[in-house]
Amino acid sequence: MGTVEDAKEAVAELRAALERAGIRLPSLGLDPVTWAAEPPRPLVELGRCTVETARRLAAALPGEGGRG
């Protein structure tokens, strides 16, 4: 369980890593509803993306069929 600041840092790290792989998730951010808990339990919202972006993301992940 992380703090809101931890979650913001994680989003920034993920955004930077995705950009290095040539992938952009326009809806990437924090889910504000999850901040309502006490203590807050922020979740990262990956959001929606195009089919092309989904395929690029799948190809960037290690495993069968991926580049890594």
N, C-alpha and C. Protein backbone atom coordinates (compact mmCIF):
# COMPACT_ATOMS: atom_id res chain seq x y z
N MET A 1 0.86 -1.18 0.00
CA MET A 1 0.00 0.00 0.00
C MET A 1 0.90 1.23 0.00
N GLY A 2 0.68 2.14 -0.94
CA GLY A 2 1.50 3.33 -1.03
C GLY A 2 0.70 4.58 -0.78
N THR A 3 1.44 5.65 -0.64
CA THR A 3 0.80 6.95 -0.45
C THR A 3 0.45 7.53 -1.81
N VAL A 4 -0.29 8.63 -1.80
CA VAL A 4 -0.64 9.30 -3.04
C VAL A 4 0.64 9.77 -3.74
N GLU A 5 1.60 10.26 -2.98
CA GLU A 5 2.87 10.69 -3.58
C GLU A 5 3.60 9.52 -4.22
N ASP A 6 3.60 8.37 -3.55
CA ASP A 6 4.21 7.16 -4.13
C ASP A 6 3.52 6.81 -5.44
N ALA A 7 2.21 6.89 -5.45
CA ALA A 7 1.44 6.55 -6.65
C ALA A 7 1.75 7.53 -7.78
N LYS A 8 1.87 8.81 -7.47
CA LYS A 8 2.22 9.80 -8.49
C LYS A 8 3.59 9.50 -9.08
N GLU A 9 4.53 9.13 -8.23
CA GLU A 9 5.87 8.78 -8.71
C GLU A 9 5.82 7.54 -9.60
N ALA A 10 5.02 6.55 -9.20
CA ALA A 10 4.89 5.33 -9.99
C ALA A 10 4.32 5.62 -11.37
N VAL A 11 3.33 6.51 -11.42
CA VAL A 11 2.74 6.90 -12.71
C VAL A 11 3.79 7.57 -13.58
N ALA A 12 4.56 8.47 -13.00
CA ALA A 12 5.61 9.16 -13.76
C ALA A 12 6.66 8.17 -14.28
N GLU A 13 7.04 7.21 -13.43
CA GLU A 13 8.01 6.20 -13.84
C GLU A 13 7.47 5.34 -14.97
N LEU A 14 6.21 4.92 -14.84
CA LEU A 14 5.59 4.10 -15.88
C LEU A 14 5.46 4.88 -17.18
N ARG A 15 5.03 6.13 -17.10
CA ARG A 15 4.89 6.97 -18.30
C ARG A 15 6.23 7.10 -19.01
N ALA A 16 7.30 7.34 -18.26
CA ALA A 16 8.63 7.48 -18.86
C ALA A 16 9.08 6.17 -19.50
N ALA A 17 8.85 5.04 -18.83
CA ALA A 17 9.24 3.75 -19.38
C ALA A 17 8.47 3.43 -20.66
N LEU A 18 7.18 3.73 -20.66
CA LEU A 18 6.38 3.50 -21.85
C LEU A 18 6.85 4.39 -23.00
N GLU A 19 7.16 5.63 -22.70
CA GLU A 19 7.65 6.54 -23.74
C GLU A 19 8.95 6.05 -24.34
N ARG A 20 9.84 5.48 -23.51
CA ARG A 20 11.09 4.92 -24.03
C ARG A 20 10.82 3.77 -24.99
N ALA A 21 9.71 3.07 -24.77
CA ALA A 21 9.33 1.96 -25.64
C ALA A 21 8.47 2.44 -26.82
N GLY A 22 8.25 3.75 -26.90
CA GLY A 22 7.45 4.30 -27.99
C GLY A 22 5.96 4.11 -27.80
N ILE A 23 5.52 3.99 -26.55
CA ILE A 23 4.11 3.73 -26.24
C ILE A 23 3.56 4.88 -25.41
N ARG A 24 2.37 5.34 -25.78
CA ARG A 24 1.72 6.41 -25.02
C ARG A 24 0.32 5.96 -24.62
N LEU A 25 0.04 5.97 -23.33
CA LEU A 25 -1.30 5.70 -22.82
C LEU A 25 -1.91 7.03 -22.41
N PRO A 26 -2.80 7.59 -23.23
CA PRO A 26 -3.33 8.93 -22.97
C PRO A 26 -4.08 9.06 -21.65
N SER A 27 -4.68 7.97 -21.19
CA SER A 27 -5.49 8.03 -19.97
C SER A 27 -4.72 7.64 -18.72
N LEU A 28 -3.42 7.41 -18.82
CA LEU A 28 -2.62 7.00 -17.68
C LEU A 28 -2.68 8.06 -16.58
N GLY A 29 -3.00 7.65 -15.38
CA GLY A 29 -3.08 8.58 -14.26
C GLY A 29 -3.50 7.85 -13.00
N LEU A 30 -3.92 8.61 -12.01
CA LEU A 30 -4.40 8.04 -10.76
C LEU A 30 -5.91 8.06 -10.72
N ASP A 31 -6.49 7.02 -10.13
CA ASP A 31 -7.93 6.93 -9.96
C ASP A 31 -8.30 7.70 -8.69
N PRO A 32 -8.89 8.89 -8.82
CA PRO A 32 -9.17 9.72 -7.64
C PRO A 32 -10.16 9.09 -6.67
N VAL A 33 -11.02 8.20 -7.13
CA VAL A 33 -11.99 7.55 -6.24
C VAL A 33 -11.28 6.74 -5.16
N THR A 34 -10.13 6.16 -5.51
CA THR A 34 -9.42 5.31 -4.55
C THR A 34 -8.71 6.12 -3.47
N TRP A 35 -8.70 7.42 -3.59
CA TRP A 35 -8.10 8.26 -2.55
C TRP A 35 -9.03 8.42 -1.36
N ALA A 36 -10.30 8.01 -1.53
CA ALA A 36 -11.31 8.24 -0.49
C ALA A 36 -11.11 7.36 0.74
N ALA A 37 -10.40 6.27 0.60
CA ALA A 37 -10.19 5.37 1.74
C ALA A 37 -9.33 6.07 2.80
N GLU A 38 -9.43 5.60 4.01
CA GLU A 38 -8.60 6.15 5.08
C GLU A 38 -7.82 5.01 5.71
N PRO A 39 -6.55 4.87 5.48
CA PRO A 39 -5.72 5.77 4.68
C PRO A 39 -5.97 5.57 3.18
N PRO A 40 -5.62 6.58 2.36
CA PRO A 40 -5.82 6.46 0.92
C PRO A 40 -5.08 5.25 0.35
N ARG A 41 -5.72 4.60 -0.61
CA ARG A 41 -5.11 3.44 -1.30
C ARG A 41 -5.19 3.70 -2.80
N PRO A 42 -4.38 4.64 -3.28
CA PRO A 42 -4.49 5.03 -4.68
C PRO A 42 -4.15 3.91 -5.65
N LEU A 43 -4.94 3.82 -6.71
CA LEU A 43 -4.70 2.87 -7.78
C LEU A 43 -4.30 3.63 -9.04
N VAL A 44 -3.44 3.01 -9.82
CA VAL A 44 -3.02 3.59 -11.09
C VAL A 44 -4.06 3.18 -12.14
N GLU A 45 -4.57 4.16 -12.84
CA GLU A 45 -5.55 3.95 -13.91
C GLU A 45 -4.80 3.94 -15.23
N LEU A 46 -4.79 2.78 -15.90
CA LEU A 46 -4.11 2.69 -17.18
C LEU A 46 -4.98 3.26 -18.31
N GLY A 47 -6.27 3.14 -18.17
CA GLY A 47 -7.19 3.74 -19.11
C GLY A 47 -7.32 2.99 -20.43
N ARG A 48 -7.84 3.69 -21.40
CA ARG A 48 -8.11 3.12 -22.71
C ARG A 48 -6.99 3.45 -23.67
N CYS A 49 -6.86 2.62 -24.70
CA CYS A 49 -5.87 2.89 -25.73
C CYS A 49 -6.36 2.29 -27.04
N THR A 50 -5.71 2.65 -28.11
CA THR A 50 -6.07 2.12 -29.42
C THR A 50 -5.61 0.67 -29.54
N VAL A 51 -6.12 -0.03 -30.53
CA VAL A 51 -5.70 -1.40 -30.80
C VAL A 51 -4.21 -1.42 -31.12
N GLU A 52 -3.75 -0.46 -31.89
CA GLU A 52 -2.33 -0.39 -32.23
C GLU A 52 -1.48 -0.25 -30.96
N THR A 53 -1.89 0.60 -30.05
CA THR A 53 -1.14 0.79 -28.81
C THR A 53 -1.16 -0.48 -27.97
N ALA A 54 -2.29 -1.16 -27.91
CA ALA A 54 -2.38 -2.42 -27.15
C ALA A 54 -1.42 -3.45 -27.72
N ARG A 55 -1.32 -3.52 -29.03
CA ARG A 55 -0.40 -4.47 -29.65
C ARG A 55 1.06 -4.09 -29.39
N ARG A 56 1.36 -2.81 -29.43
CA ARG A 56 2.73 -2.36 -29.14
C ARG A 56 3.09 -2.65 -27.69
N LEU A 57 2.14 -2.47 -26.80
CA LEU A 57 2.38 -2.76 -25.39
C LEU A 57 2.61 -4.26 -25.19
N ALA A 58 1.79 -5.09 -25.82
CA ALA A 58 1.96 -6.54 -25.71
C ALA A 58 3.32 -6.98 -26.27
N ALA A 59 3.74 -6.38 -27.37
CA ALA A 59 5.02 -6.74 -27.97
C ALA A 59 6.20 -6.30 -27.10
N ALA A 60 6.02 -5.26 -26.32
CA ALA A 60 7.10 -4.73 -25.48
C ALA A 60 7.29 -5.56 -24.21
N LEU A 61 6.31 -6.38 -23.84
CA LEU A 61 6.39 -7.18 -22.63
C LEU A 61 7.14 -8.47 -22.89
N PRO A 62 7.91 -8.95 -21.90
CA PRO A 62 8.64 -10.20 -22.10
C PRO A 62 7.68 -11.39 -22.18
N GLY A 63 8.14 -12.41 -22.81
CA GLY A 63 7.34 -13.62 -22.90
C GLY A 63 7.19 -14.08 -24.33
N GLU A 64 6.41 -15.09 -24.49
CA GLU A 64 6.19 -15.68 -25.80
C GLU A 64 5.59 -14.65 -26.75
N GLY A 65 6.25 -14.43 -27.87
CA GLY A 65 5.75 -13.49 -28.87
C GLY A 65 6.23 -12.07 -28.66
N GLY A 66 6.76 -11.76 -27.48
CA GLY A 66 7.24 -10.41 -27.21
C GLY A 66 8.72 -10.26 -27.58
N ARG A 67 9.20 -9.04 -27.57
CA ARG A 67 10.59 -8.77 -27.91
C ARG A 67 11.52 -8.99 -26.73
N GLY A 68 10.99 -8.92 -25.48
CA GLY A 68 11.84 -8.96 -24.30
C GLY A 68 12.10 -10.32 -23.85
